[in-house]
Each structure stands twice: as C-alpha cells, then as structure tokens.
PDB file of N, CA and C in Angstrom:
ATOM      1  N   UNK A   1       9.764   0.198  17.010  1.00  0.00           N
ATOM      2  CA  UNK A   1       9.239   1.574  16.837  1.00  0.00           C
ATOM      3  C   UNK A   1       8.412   1.628  15.537  1.00  0.00           C
ATOM      4  N   UNK A   2       9.137   1.268  14.400  1.00  0.00           N
ATOM      5  CA  UNK A   2       8.414   1.286  13.119  1.00  0.00           C
ATOM      6  C   UNK A   2       7.089   0.517  13.147  1.00  0.00           C
ATOM      7  N   UNK A   3       6.989  -0.645  13.746  1.00  0.00           N
ATOM      8  CA  UNK A   3       5.855  -1.420  13.861  1.00  0.00           C
ATOM      9  C   UNK A   3       4.724  -0.602  14.658  1.00  0.00           C
ATOM     10  N   UNK A   4       5.083  -0.052  15.695  1.00  0.00           N
ATOM     11  CA  UNK A   4       4.222   0.894  16.346  1.00  0.00           C
ATOM     12  C   UNK A   4       3.664   2.002  15.572  1.00  0.00           C
ATOM     13  N   UNK A   5       4.506   2.713  14.767  1.00  0.00           N
ATOM     14  CA  UNK A   5       4.072   3.705  13.879  1.00  0.00           C
ATOM     15  C   UNK A   5       3.009   3.166  12.901  1.00  0.00           C
ATOM     16  N   UNK A   6       3.469   2.105  12.288  1.00  0.00           N
ATOM     17  CA  UNK A   6       2.538   1.507  11.288  1.00  0.00           C
ATOM     18  C   UNK A   6       1.189   1.076  11.857  1.00  0.00           C
ATOM     19  N   UNK A   7       1.214   0.570  13.072  1.00  0.00           N
ATOM     20  CA  UNK A   7       0.083   0.216  13.716  1.00  0.00           C
ATOM     21  C   UNK A   7      -0.881   1.337  14.040  1.00  0.00           C
ATOM     22  N   UNK A   8      -0.344   2.512  14.387  1.00  0.00           N
ATOM     23  CA  UNK A   8      -1.027   3.661  14.786  1.00  0.00           C
ATOM     24  C   UNK A   8      -1.542   4.427  13.424  1.00  0.00           C
ATOM     25  N   UNK A   9      -1.008   4.156  12.305  1.00  0.00           N
ATOM     26  CA  UNK A   9      -1.437   4.938  11.103  1.00  0.00           C
ATOM     27  C   UNK A   9      -2.847   4.791  10.847  1.00  0.00           C
ATOM     28  N   UNK A  10      -3.446   3.519  10.642  1.00  0.00           N
ATOM     29  CA  UNK A  10      -4.905   3.413  10.491  1.00  0.00           C
ATOM     30  C   UNK A  10      -5.794   4.106  11.550  1.00  0.00           C
ATOM     31  N   UNK A  11      -5.372   4.029  12.777  1.00  0.00           N
ATOM     32  CA  UNK A  11      -6.111   4.732  13.848  1.00  0.00           C
ATOM     33  C   UNK A  11      -6.155   6.258  13.705  1.00  0.00           C
ATOM     34  N   UNK A  12      -4.979   6.818  13.436  1.00  0.00           N
ATOM     35  CA  UNK A  12      -4.892   8.237  13.210  1.00  0.00           C
ATOM     36  C   UNK A  12      -5.702   8.718  11.998  1.00  0.00           C
ATOM     37  N   UNK A  13      -5.653   7.893  10.939  1.00  0.00           N
ATOM     38  CA  UNK A  13      -6.461   8.271   9.723  1.00  0.00           C
ATOM     39  C   UNK A  13      -7.820   8.144   9.999  1.00  0.00           C
ATOM     40  N   UNK A  14      -8.278   7.103  10.760  1.00  0.00           N
ATOM     41  CA  UNK A  14      -9.802   7.038  11.007  1.00  0.00           C
ATOM     42  C   UNK A  14     -10.226   8.163  11.882  1.00  0.00           C
ATOM     43  N   UNK A  15      -9.428   8.712  12.746  1.00  0.00           N
ATOM     44  CA  UNK A  15      -9.820   9.806  13.744  1.00  0.00           C
ATOM     45  C   UNK A  15      -9.827  11.164  12.905  1.00  0.00           C
ATOM     46  N   UNK A  16      -9.349  11.227  11.820  1.00  0.00           N
ATOM     47  CA  UNK A  16      -9.279  12.537  11.019  1.00  0.00           C
ATOM     48  C   UNK A  16     -10.525  12.933  10.353  1.00  0.00           C
ATOM     49  N   UNK A  17     -11.586  12.083  10.423  1.00  0.00           N
ATOM     50  CA  UNK A  17     -12.885  12.422   9.913  1.00  0.00           C
ATOM     51  C   UNK A  17     -13.333  11.322   8.865  1.00  0.00           C
ATOM     52  N   UNK A  18     -14.316  11.653   8.029  1.00  0.00           N
ATOM     53  CA  UNK A  18     -14.977  10.636   7.167  1.00  0.00           C
ATOM     54  C   UNK A  18     -13.918  10.221   6.093  1.00  0.00           C
ATOM     55  N   UNK A  19     -14.040   8.977   5.713  1.00  0.00           N
ATOM     56  CA  UNK A  19     -13.026   8.554   4.711  1.00  0.00           C
ATOM     57  C   UNK A  19     -13.630   7.762   3.713  1.00  0.00           C
ATOM     58  N   UNK A  20     -13.046   7.778   2.513  1.00  0.00           N
ATOM     59  CA  UNK A  20     -13.556   6.710   1.468  1.00  0.00           C
ATOM     60  C   UNK A  20     -12.811   5.408   1.447  1.00  0.00           C
ATOM     61  N   UNK A  21     -11.934   5.154   2.482  1.00  0.00           N
ATOM     62  CA  UNK A  21     -11.158   4.026   2.476  1.00  0.00           C
ATOM     63  C   UNK A  21     -12.063   2.843   2.830  1.00  0.00           C
ATOM     64  N   UNK A  22     -11.998   1.736   2.118  1.00  0.00           N
ATOM     65  CA  UNK A  22     -12.767   0.571   2.293  1.00  0.00           C
ATOM     66  C   UNK A  22     -11.962  -0.656   2.546  1.00  0.00           C
ATOM     67  N   UNK A  23     -12.439  -1.469   3.296  1.00  0.00           N
ATOM     68  CA  UNK A  23     -11.742  -2.799   3.496  1.00  0.00           C
ATOM     69  C   UNK A  23     -12.012  -3.755   2.308  1.00  0.00           C
ATOM     70  N   UNK A  24     -11.083  -4.302   1.788  1.00  0.00           N
ATOM     71  CA  UNK A  24     -11.346  -5.306   0.723  1.00  0.00           C
ATOM     72  C   UNK A  24     -11.723  -6.644   1.281  1.00  0.00           C
ATOM     73  N   UNK A  25     -11.884  -7.705   0.579  1.00  0.00           N
ATOM     74  CA  UNK A  25     -12.277  -9.060   1.075  1.00  0.00           C
ATOM     75  C   UNK A  25     -11.074  -9.712   1.687  1.00  0.00           C
ATOM     76  N   UNK A  26      -9.853  -9.053   1.579  1.00  0.00           N
ATOM     77  CA  UNK A  26      -8.674  -9.599   2.219  1.00  0.00           C
ATOM     78  C   UNK A  26      -8.445  -8.854   3.542  1.00  0.00           C
ATOM     79  N   UNK A  27      -8.342  -9.604   4.642  1.00  0.00           N
ATOM     80  CA  UNK A  27      -8.450  -8.989   5.982  1.00  0.00           C
ATOM     81  C   UNK A  27      -7.179  -7.998   6.231  1.00  0.00           C
ATOM     82  N   UNK A  28      -6.136  -7.971   5.577  1.00  0.00           N
ATOM     83  CA  UNK A  28      -5.089  -7.210   5.934  1.00  0.00           C
ATOM     84  C   UNK A  28      -4.995  -6.015   4.954  1.00  0.00           C
ATOM     85  N   UNK A  29      -5.957  -5.917   4.068  1.00  0.00           N
ATOM     86  CA  UNK A  29      -5.848  -4.738   3.126  1.00  0.00           C
ATOM     87  C   UNK A  29      -6.899  -3.690   3.315  1.00  0.00           C
ATOM     88  N   UNK A  30      -6.569  -2.542   3.884  1.00  0.00           N
ATOM     89  CA  UNK A  30      -7.538  -1.472   4.046  1.00  0.00           C
ATOM     90  C   UNK A  30      -7.016  -0.420   3.054  1.00  0.00           C
ATOM     91  N   UNK A  31      -7.786  -0.276   2.006  1.00  0.00           N
ATOM     92  CA  UNK A  31      -7.345   0.568   0.958  1.00  0.00           C
ATOM     93  C   UNK A  31      -8.558   1.291   0.272  1.00  0.00           C
ATOM     94  N   UNK A  32      -8.287   2.430  -0.416  1.00  0.00           N
ATOM     95  CA  UNK A  32      -9.273   3.164  -1.131  1.00  0.00           C
ATOM     96  C   UNK A  32      -9.538   2.442  -2.427  1.00  0.00           C
ATOM     97  N   UNK A  33      -8.639   1.520  -2.899  1.00  0.00           N
ATOM     98  CA  UNK A  33      -8.823   0.788  -4.098  1.00  0.00           C
ATOM     99  C   UNK A  33      -9.861  -0.285  -3.929  1.00  0.00           C
ATOM    100  N   UNK A  34     -10.594  -0.582  -5.054  1.00  0.00           N
ATOM    101  CA  UNK A  34     -11.520  -1.469  -5.192  1.00  0.00           C
ATOM    102  C   UNK A  34     -11.410  -2.372  -6.457  1.00  0.00           C
ATOM    103  N   UNK A  35     -12.008  -3.576  -6.392  1.00  0.00           N
ATOM    104  CA  UNK A  35     -12.108  -4.418  -7.521  1.00  0.00           C
ATOM    105  C   UNK A  35     -10.673  -4.571  -8.267  1.00  0.00           C
ATOM    106  N   UNK A  36     -10.705  -4.328  -9.561  1.00  0.00           N
ATOM    107  CA  UNK A  36      -9.537  -4.683 -10.411  1.00  0.00           C
ATOM    108  C   UNK A  36      -8.333  -3.742  -9.985  1.00  0.00           C
ATOM    109  N   UNK A  37      -8.590  -2.595  -9.450  1.00  0.00           N
ATOM    110  CA  UNK A  37      -7.557  -1.713  -9.100  1.00  0.00           C
ATOM    111  C   UNK A  37      -6.577  -2.340  -8.026  1.00  0.00           C
ATOM    112  N   UNK A  38      -7.241  -3.153  -7.131  1.00  0.00           N
ATOM    113  CA  UNK A  38      -6.460  -3.807  -6.149  1.00  0.00           C
ATOM    114  C   UNK A  38      -5.510  -4.750  -6.765  1.00  0.00           C
ATOM    115  N   UNK A  39      -5.968  -5.553  -7.693  1.00  0.00           N
ATOM    116  CA  UNK A  39      -5.046  -6.605  -8.402  1.00  0.00           C
ATOM    117  C   UNK A  39      -4.042  -5.825  -9.212  1.00  0.00           C
ATOM    118  N   UNK A  40      -4.379  -4.666  -9.770  1.00  0.00           N
ATOM    119  CA  UNK A  40      -3.390  -3.968 -10.514  1.00  0.00           C
ATOM    120  C   UNK A  40      -2.261  -3.427  -9.654  1.00  0.00           C
ATOM    121  N   UNK A  41      -2.582  -2.940  -8.460  1.00  0.00           N
ATOM    122  CA  UNK A  41      -1.632  -2.519  -7.550  1.00  0.00           C
ATOM    123  C   UNK A  41      -0.762  -3.651  -7.168  1.00  0.00           C
ATOM    124  N   UNK A  42      -1.274  -4.818  -6.807  1.00  0.00           N
ATOM    125  CA  UNK A  42      -0.444  -5.938  -6.394  1.00  0.00           C
ATOM    126  C   UNK A  42       0.380  -6.304  -7.610  1.00  0.00           C
ATOM    127  N   UNK A  43      -0.023  -6.330  -8.755  1.00  0.00           N
ATOM    128  CA  UNK A  43       0.894  -6.565  -9.901  1.00  0.00           C
ATOM    129  C   UNK A  43       2.027  -5.604 -10.029  1.00  0.00           C
ATOM    130  N   UNK A  44       1.582  -4.229  -9.971  1.00  0.00           N
ATOM    131  CA  UNK A  44       2.553  -3.287 -10.041  1.00  0.00           C
ATOM    132  C   UNK A  44       3.603  -3.325  -8.862  1.00  0.00           C
ATOM    133  N   UNK A  45       3.110  -3.608  -7.660  1.00  0.00           N
ATOM    134  CA  UNK A  45       4.090  -3.761  -6.614  1.00  0.00           C
ATOM    135  C   UNK A  45       5.067  -4.897  -6.770  1.00  0.00           C
ATOM    136  N   UNK A  46       4.594  -5.994  -7.311  1.00  0.00           N
ATOM    137  CA  UNK A  46       5.497  -7.106  -7.552  1.00  0.00           C
ATOM    138  C   UNK A  46       6.546  -6.759  -8.596  1.00  0.00           C
ATOM    139  N   UNK A  47       6.145  -6.021  -9.653  1.00  0.00           N
ATOM    140  CA  UNK A  47       7.167  -5.570 -10.593  1.00  0.00           C
ATOM    141  C   UNK A  47       8.191  -4.634 -10.016  1.00  0.00           C
ATOM    142  N   UNK A  48       7.604  -3.590  -9.353  1.00  0.00           N
ATOM    143  CA  UNK A  48       8.524  -2.520  -8.879  1.00  0.00           C
ATOM    144  C   UNK A  48       9.372  -3.098  -7.752  1.00  0.00           C
ATOM    145  N   UNK A  49       8.847  -3.933  -6.801  1.00  0.00           N
ATOM    146  CA  UNK A  49       9.774  -4.567  -5.801  1.00  0.00           C
ATOM    147  C   UNK A  49      10.859  -5.375  -6.520  1.00  0.00           C
ATOM    148  N   UNK A  50      10.575  -6.061  -7.490  1.00  0.00           N
ATOM    149  CA  UNK A  50      11.639  -6.857  -8.129  1.00  0.00           C
ATOM    150  C   UNK A  50      12.753  -5.977  -8.841  1.00  0.00           C
ATOM    151  N   UNK A  51      12.301  -4.840  -9.355  1.00  0.00           N
ATOM    152  CA  UNK A  51      13.164  -3.852  -9.927  1.00  0.00           C
ATOM    153  C   UNK A  51      13.947  -3.220  -8.832  1.00  0.00           C
ATOM    154  N   UNK A  52      13.407  -2.851  -7.703  1.00  0.00           N
ATOM    155  CA  UNK A  52      14.101  -2.137  -6.568  1.00  0.00           C
ATOM    156  C   UNK A  52      15.010  -3.175  -5.891  1.00  0.00           C
ATOM    157  N   UNK A  53      14.626  -4.381  -5.837  1.00  0.00           N
ATOM    158  CA  UNK A  53      15.474  -5.473  -5.044  1.00  0.00           C
ATOM    159  C   UNK A  53      15.523  -6.736  -5.722  1.00  0.00           C
ATOM    160  N   UNK A  54      16.275  -6.675  -6.804  1.00  0.00           N
ATOM    161  CA  UNK A  54      16.433  -7.925  -7.623  1.00  0.00           C
ATOM    162  C   UNK A  54      16.970  -9.199  -6.842  1.00  0.00           C
ATOM    163  N   UNK A  55      17.746  -8.803  -5.949  1.00  0.00           N
ATOM    164  CA  UNK A  55      18.312  -9.866  -4.968  1.00  0.00           C
ATOM    165  C   UNK A  55      17.321 -10.479  -3.961  1.00  0.00           C
ATOM    166  N   UNK A  56      16.182 -10.006  -3.881  1.00  0.00           N
ATOM    167  CA  UNK A  56      15.143 -10.453  -3.018  1.00  0.00           C
ATOM    168  C   UNK A  56      13.831 -10.449  -3.581  1.00  0.00           C
ATOM    169  N   UNK A  57      13.432 -11.519  -4.307  1.00  0.00           N
ATOM    170  CA  UNK A  57      12.261 -11.439  -5.148  1.00  0.00           C
ATOM    171  C   UNK A  57      10.988 -11.358  -4.318  1.00  0.00           C
ATOM    172  N   UNK A  58       9.917 -10.778  -4.913  1.00  0.00           N
ATOM    173  CA  UNK A  58       8.611 -10.488  -4.366  1.00  0.00           C
ATOM    174  C   UNK A  58       7.934 -11.852  -4.097  1.00  0.00           C
ATOM    175  N   UNK A  59       7.350 -12.045  -2.895  1.00  0.00           N
ATOM    176  CA  UNK A  59       6.631 -13.317  -2.657  1.00  0.00           C
ATOM    177  C   UNK A  59       4.998 -12.984  -2.530  1.00  0.00           C
ATOM    178  N   UNK A  60       4.633 -12.011  -1.718  1.00  0.00           N
ATOM    179  CA  UNK A  60       3.309 -11.721  -1.674  1.00  0.00           C
ATOM    180  C   UNK A  60       3.013 -10.401  -0.976  1.00  0.00           C
ATOM    181  N   UNK A  61       1.852  -9.836  -1.109  1.00  0.00           N
ATOM    182  CA  UNK A  61       1.415  -8.575  -0.341  1.00  0.00           C
ATOM    183  C   UNK A  61       1.004  -8.995   0.998  1.00  0.00           C
ATOM    184  N   UNK A  62       1.463  -8.330   1.977  1.00  0.00           N
ATOM    185  CA  UNK A  62       1.027  -8.618   3.403  1.00  0.00           C
ATOM    186  C   UNK A  62      -0.103  -7.726   3.960  1.00  0.00           C
ATOM    187  N   UNK A  63       0.064  -6.426   3.613  1.00  0.00           N
ATOM    188  CA  UNK A  63      -0.965  -5.517   4.128  1.00  0.00           C
ATOM    189  C   UNK A  63      -0.969  -4.283   3.440  1.00  0.00           C
ATOM    190  N   UNK A  64      -2.045  -3.441   3.540  1.00  0.00           N
ATOM    191  CA  UNK A  64      -2.207  -2.113   3.089  1.00  0.00           C
ATOM    192  C   UNK A  64      -2.953  -1.298   4.177  1.00  0.00           C
ATOM    193  N   UNK A  65      -2.493  -0.023   4.366  1.00  0.00           N
ATOM    194  CA  UNK A  65      -3.097   0.833   5.324  1.00  0.00           C
ATOM    195  C   UNK A  65      -3.132   2.258   4.831  1.00  0.00           C
ATOM    196  N   UNK A  66      -4.001   3.038   5.142  1.00  0.00           N
ATOM    197  CA  UNK A  66      -4.031   4.436   4.694  1.00  0.00           C
ATOM    198  C   UNK A  66      -2.902   5.217   5.445  1.00  0.00           C
ATOM    199  N   UNK A  67      -2.372   6.143   4.714  1.00  0.00           N
ATOM    200  CA  UNK A  67      -1.367   7.095   5.405  1.00  0.00           C
ATOM    201  C   UNK A  67      -2.051   8.533   5.525  1.00  0.00           C
ATOM    202  N   UNK A  68      -2.638   9.008   4.299  1.00  0.00           N
ATOM    203  CA  UNK A  68      -3.257  10.349   4.302  1.00  0.00           C
ATOM    204  C   UNK A  68      -3.982  10.498   2.940  1.00  0.00           C
ATOM    205  N   UNK A  69      -4.557  11.580   2.764  1.00  0.00           N
ATOM    206  CA  UNK A  69      -5.235  11.932   1.479  1.00  0.00           C
ATOM    207  C   UNK A  69      -5.333  13.481   1.384  1.00  0.00           C
ATOM    208  N   UNK A  70      -5.330  13.933   0.183  1.00  0.00           N
ATOM    209  CA  UNK A  70      -5.616  15.377  -0.101  1.00  0.00           C
ATOM    210  C   UNK A  70      -6.604  15.369  -1.272  1.00  0.00           C
ATOM    211  N   UNK A  71      -6.644  16.728  -1.868  1.00  0.00           N
ATOM    212  CA  UNK A  71      -7.592  16.762  -2.934  1.00  0.00           C
ATOM    213  C   UNK A  71      -7.367  16.111  -4.159  1.00  0.00           C
ATOM    214  N   UNK A  72      -5.976  15.653  -4.326  1.00  0.00           N
ATOM    215  CA  UNK A  72      -5.554  15.066  -5.501  1.00  0.00           C
ATOM    216  C   UNK A  72      -5.364  13.526  -5.487  1.00  0.00           C
ATOM    217  N   UNK A  73      -5.099  13.040  -4.209  1.00  0.00           N
ATOM    218  CA  UNK A  73      -4.691  11.608  -4.266  1.00  0.00           C
ATOM    219  C   UNK A  73      -4.904  11.128  -2.829  1.00  0.00           C
ATOM    220  N   UNK A  74      -4.921   9.679  -2.734  1.00  0.00           N
ATOM    221  CA  UNK A  74      -4.921   8.895  -1.447  1.00  0.00           C
ATOM    222  C   UNK A  74      -3.505   8.303  -1.438  1.00  0.00           C
ATOM    223  N   UNK A  75      -2.887   8.360  -0.254  1.00  0.00           N
ATOM    224  CA  UNK A  75      -1.579   7.632   0.042  1.00  0.00           C
ATOM    225  C   UNK A  75      -1.710   6.641   1.054  1.00  0.00           C
ATOM    226  N   UNK A  76      -1.089   5.489   0.584  1.00  0.00           N
ATOM    227  CA  UNK A  76      -1.339   4.296   1.438  1.00  0.00           C
ATOM    228  C   UNK A  76       0.111   3.616   1.679  1.00  0.00           C
ATOM    229  N   UNK A  77       0.246   2.951   2.704  1.00  0.00           N
ATOM    230  CA  UNK A  77       1.503   2.053   2.901  1.00  0.00           C
ATOM    231  C   UNK A  77       1.208   0.597   2.662  1.00  0.00           C
ATOM    232  N   UNK A  78       1.802   0.067   1.696  1.00  0.00           N
ATOM    233  CA  UNK A  78       1.574  -1.327   1.272  1.00  0.00           C
ATOM    234  C   UNK A  78       2.835  -2.114   1.630  1.00  0.00           C
ATOM    235  N   UNK A  79       2.686  -3.157   2.479  1.00  0.00           N
ATOM    236  CA  UNK A  79       3.965  -4.023   2.838  1.00  0.00           C
ATOM    237  C   UNK A  79       3.828  -5.225   2.062  1.00  0.00           C
ATOM    238  N   UNK A  80       5.097  -5.710   1.579  1.00  0.00           N
ATOM    239  CA  UNK A  80       5.173  -6.959   0.758  1.00  0.00           C
ATOM    240  C   UNK A  80       6.291  -7.801   1.458  1.00  0.00           C
ATOM    241  N   UNK A  81       6.133  -9.157   1.231  1.00  0.00           N
ATOM    242  CA  UNK A  81       7.106 -10.010   1.714  1.00  0.00           C
ATOM    243  C   UNK A  81       8.103 -10.346   0.573  1.00  0.00           C
ATOM    244  N   UNK A  82       9.307 -10.300   0.797  1.00  0.00           N
ATOM    245  CA  UNK A  82      10.264 -10.706  -0.263  1.00  0.00           C
ATOM    246  C   UNK A  82      10.942 -12.070   0.294  1.00  0.00           C
ATOM    247  N   UNK A  83      12.205 -12.289  -0.155  1.00  0.00           N
ATOM    248  CA  UNK A  83      12.957 -13.504   0.110  1.00  0.00           C
ATOM    249  C   UNK A  83      13.066 -13.534   1.579  1.00  0.00           C
ATOM    250  N   UNK A  84      13.127 -14.884   2.114  1.00  0.00           N
ATOM    251  CA  UNK A  84      13.470 -15.127   3.507  1.00  0.00           C
ATOM    252  C   UNK A  84      12.560 -14.453   4.427  1.00  0.00           C
ATOM    253  N   UNK A  85      11.415 -14.048   4.019  1.00  0.00           N
ATOM    254  CA  UNK A  85      10.375 -13.434   4.836  1.00  0.00           C
ATOM    255  C   UNK A  85      10.701 -12.060   5.246  1.00  0.00           C
ATOM    256  N   UNK A  86      11.626 -11.294   4.461  1.00  0.00           N
ATOM    257  CA  UNK A  86      11.961  -9.985   4.776  1.00  0.00           C
ATOM    258  C   UNK A  86      10.656  -9.108   4.294  1.00  0.00           C
ATOM    259  N   UNK A  87      10.357  -7.998   5.030  1.00  0.00           N
ATOM    260  CA  UNK A  87       9.180  -7.227   4.757  1.00  0.00           C
ATOM    261  C   UNK A  87       9.719  -5.861   4.260  1.00  0.00           C
ATOM    262  N   UNK A  88       9.101  -5.482   3.109  1.00  0.00           N
ATOM    263  CA  UNK A  88       9.487  -4.163   2.585  1.00  0.00           C
ATOM    264  C   UNK A  88       8.062  -3.346   2.487  1.00  0.00           C
ATOM    265  N   UNK A  89       8.225  -2.013   2.763  1.00  0.00           N
ATOM    266  CA  UNK A  89       6.997  -1.097   2.742  1.00  0.00           C
ATOM    267  C   UNK A  89       7.151  -0.140   1.652  1.00  0.00           C
ATOM    268  N   UNK A  90       6.078   0.058   0.897  1.00  0.00           N
ATOM    269  CA  UNK A  90       6.097   1.011  -0.203  1.00  0.00           C
ATOM    270  C   UNK A  90       4.911   1.963  -0.001  1.00  0.00           C
ATOM    271  N   UNK A  91       5.168   3.244  -0.403  1.00  0.00           N
ATOM    272  CA  UNK A  91       4.152   4.197  -0.433  1.00  0.00           C
ATOM    273  C   UNK A  91       3.412   4.219  -1.851  1.00  0.00           C
ATOM    274  N   UNK A  92       2.114   3.949  -1.740  1.00  0.00           N
ATOM    275  CA  UNK A  92       1.420   3.859  -3.032  1.00  0.00           C
ATOM    276  C   UNK A  92       0.492   5.033  -3.029  1.00  0.00           C
ATOM    277  N   UNK A  93       0.660   5.926  -4.141  1.00  0.00           N
ATOM    278  CA  UNK A  93      -0.239   7.021  -4.309  1.00  0.00           C
ATOM    279  C   UNK A  93      -1.196   6.680  -5.346  1.00  0.00           C
ATOM    280  N   UNK A  94      -2.531   6.793  -4.955  1.00  0.00           N
ATOM    281  CA  UNK A  94      -3.552   6.483  -5.861  1.00  0.00           C
ATOM    282  C   UNK A  94      -4.381   7.845  -6.342  1.00  0.00           C
ATOM    283  N   UNK A  95      -4.414   7.978  -7.662  1.00  0.00           N
ATOM    284  CA  UNK A  95      -5.093   9.259  -8.141  1.00  0.00           C
ATOM    285  C   UNK A  95      -6.279   8.684  -8.822  1.00  0.00           C
ATOM    286  N   UNK A  96      -7.410   9.000  -8.390  1.00  0.00           N
ATOM    287  CA  UNK A  96      -8.742   8.551  -9.029  1.00  0.00           C
ATOM    288  C   UNK A  96      -9.040   9.551 -10.052  1.00  0.00           C
ATOM    289  N   UNK A  97      -9.385   9.070 -11.231  1.00  0.00           N
ATOM    290  CA  UNK A  97      -9.688  10.076 -12.331  1.00  0.00           C
ATOM    291  C   UNK A  97     -11.048   9.623 -12.900  1.00  0.00           C
ATOM    292  N   UNK A  98     -11.461  10.343 -13.797  1.00  0.00           N
ATOM    293  CA  UNK A  98     -12.818   9.885 -14.514  1.00  0.00           C
ATOM    294  C   UNK A  98     -12.477   9.064 -15.603  1.00  0.00           C
ATOM    295  N   UNK A  99     -12.807   7.734 -15.455  1.00  0.00           N
ATOM    296  CA  UNK A  99     -12.531   6.886 -16.485  1.00  0.00           C
ATOM    297  C   UNK A  99     -11.314   6.013 -16.318  1.00  0.00           C
ATOM    298  N   UNK A 100     -10.271   6.592 -15.555  1.00  0.00           N
ATOM    299  CA  UNK A 100      -9.076   5.775 -15.289  1.00  0.00           C
ATOM    300  C   UNK A 100      -8.383   6.249 -14.082  1.00  0.00           C
ATOM    301  N   UNK A 101      -7.612   5.410 -13.484  1.00  0.00           N
ATOM    302  CA  UNK A 101      -6.894   5.685 -12.167  1.00  0.00           C
ATOM    303  C   UNK A 101      -5.464   5.622 -12.435  1.00  0.00           C
ATOM    304  N   UNK A 102      -4.669   6.462 -11.757  1.00  0.00           N
ATOM    305  CA  UNK A 102      -3.191   6.258 -11.706  1.00  0.00           C
ATOM    306  C   UNK A 102      -2.633   5.835 -10.431  1.00  0.00           C
ATOM    307  N   UNK A 103      -1.565   5.055 -10.546  1.00  0.00           N
ATOM    308  CA  UNK A 103      -0.999   4.607  -9.241  1.00  0.00           C
ATOM    309  C   UNK A 103       0.574   4.786  -9.420  1.00  0.00           C
ATOM    310  N   UNK A 104       1.178   5.382  -8.369  1.00  0.00           N
ATOM    311  CA  UNK A 104       2.547   5.606  -8.316  1.00  0.00           C
ATOM    312  C   UNK A 104       3.135   5.029  -7.048  1.00  0.00           C
ATOM    313  N   UNK A 105       4.211   4.226  -7.118  1.00  0.00           N
ATOM    314  CA  UNK A 105       4.795   3.458  -6.078  1.00  0.00           C
ATOM    315  C   UNK A 105       6.259   3.890  -5.767  1.00  0.00           C
ATOM    316  N   UNK A 106       6.549   4.115  -4.502  1.00  0.00           N
ATOM    317  CA  UNK A 106       7.885   4.378  -4.198  1.00  0.00           C
ATOM    318  C   UNK A 106       8.284   3.769  -2.837  1.00  0.00           C
ATOM    319  N   UNK A 107       9.499   3.377  -2.741  1.00  0.00           N
ATOM    320  CA  UNK A 107       9.900   2.758  -1.320  1.00  0.00           C
ATOM    321  C   UNK A 107       9.706   3.635  -0.250  1.00  0.00           C
ATOM    322  N   UNK A 108       9.046   3.041   0.815  1.00  0.00           N
ATOM    323  CA  UNK A 108       8.922   3.854   1.969  1.00  0.00           C
ATOM    324  C   UNK A 108       9.930   3.328   2.979  1.00  0.00           C
ATOM    325  N   UNK A 109      10.136   2.073   3.162  1.00  0.00           N
ATOM    326  CA  UNK A 109      11.205   1.480   4.048  1.00  0.00           C
ATOM    327  C   UNK A 109      11.422   0.078   3.670  1.00  0.00           C
ATOM    328  N   UNK A 110      12.419  -0.539   4.143  1.00  0.00           N
ATOM    329  CA  UNK A 110      12.656  -1.944   3.916  1.00  0.00           C
ATOM    330  C   UNK A 110      14.150  -2.248   3.874  1.00  0.00           C
ATOM    331  N   UNK A 111      14.452  -3.430   4.060  1.00  0.00           N
ATOM    332  CA  UNK A 111      13.654  -4.520   4.628  1.00  0.00           C
ATOM    333  C   UNK A 111      13.715  -4.463   6.144  1.00  0.00           C
ATOM    334  N   UNK A 112      12.833  -5.023   6.804  1.00  0.00           N
ATOM    335  CA  UNK A 112      12.790  -5.209   8.244  1.00  0.00           C
ATOM    336  C   UNK A 112      12.272  -6.445   8.806  1.00  0.00           C
TER     337      UNK A 112
END
C-alpha cells in the first residue's frame, strides 16, 4: 500500500497544475532543487539519517518525488537506502530564498 501511495504522488502532483519541479540528471530524482542544492540535500540526508538511525548507516539516495507546495515551500519525499537494503523515506522541505535556500528534513516513514 505504501508503495502504491508513493507511486501515485508524482502523478497527483503533476495533475494539480503547472509546477516548478524539474527532473535532475539522475533518473529517480524529481525535485525542485537544482545544481549544488541537490548535492547539499543528499549530504544533509546522509547526516540526518545517520543521526536518526545510527544502527543502520546511510548507503545512498534512491529517489525523490514531489509531495506538495505552497507559497512558502516545496515538500518532497526523498527515499534513502540504509543497511541491508532497508529503505527509509524523509520529508524534505525546501524554502527558496533570495540569495540562499533552506532545507528541513524529517522522517516520513521507515524502514520498509
């Protein structure tokens, strides 16, 4: 069921109207972040994941998909692989500012 919901999220978001979400050069990352910000989010996810789950170290980012957006921020679901192939999903809030961007990460679910 969780997989079905995550699979439908990009479709529902796409049907909600025009979007600033862009696909990066990585096939499983559909994110509003571009360039260095993508690398910054990956780095922050690795650090936060290891803080949340020290028993199951970060291995790699698997995917990113839009959840929603409002006038203040864009919300995305980023999934990472930890130890033994366990998948953890985090909610990433991206606040675009003039000159700098802010990112906040919180657990969405995991492991599965």
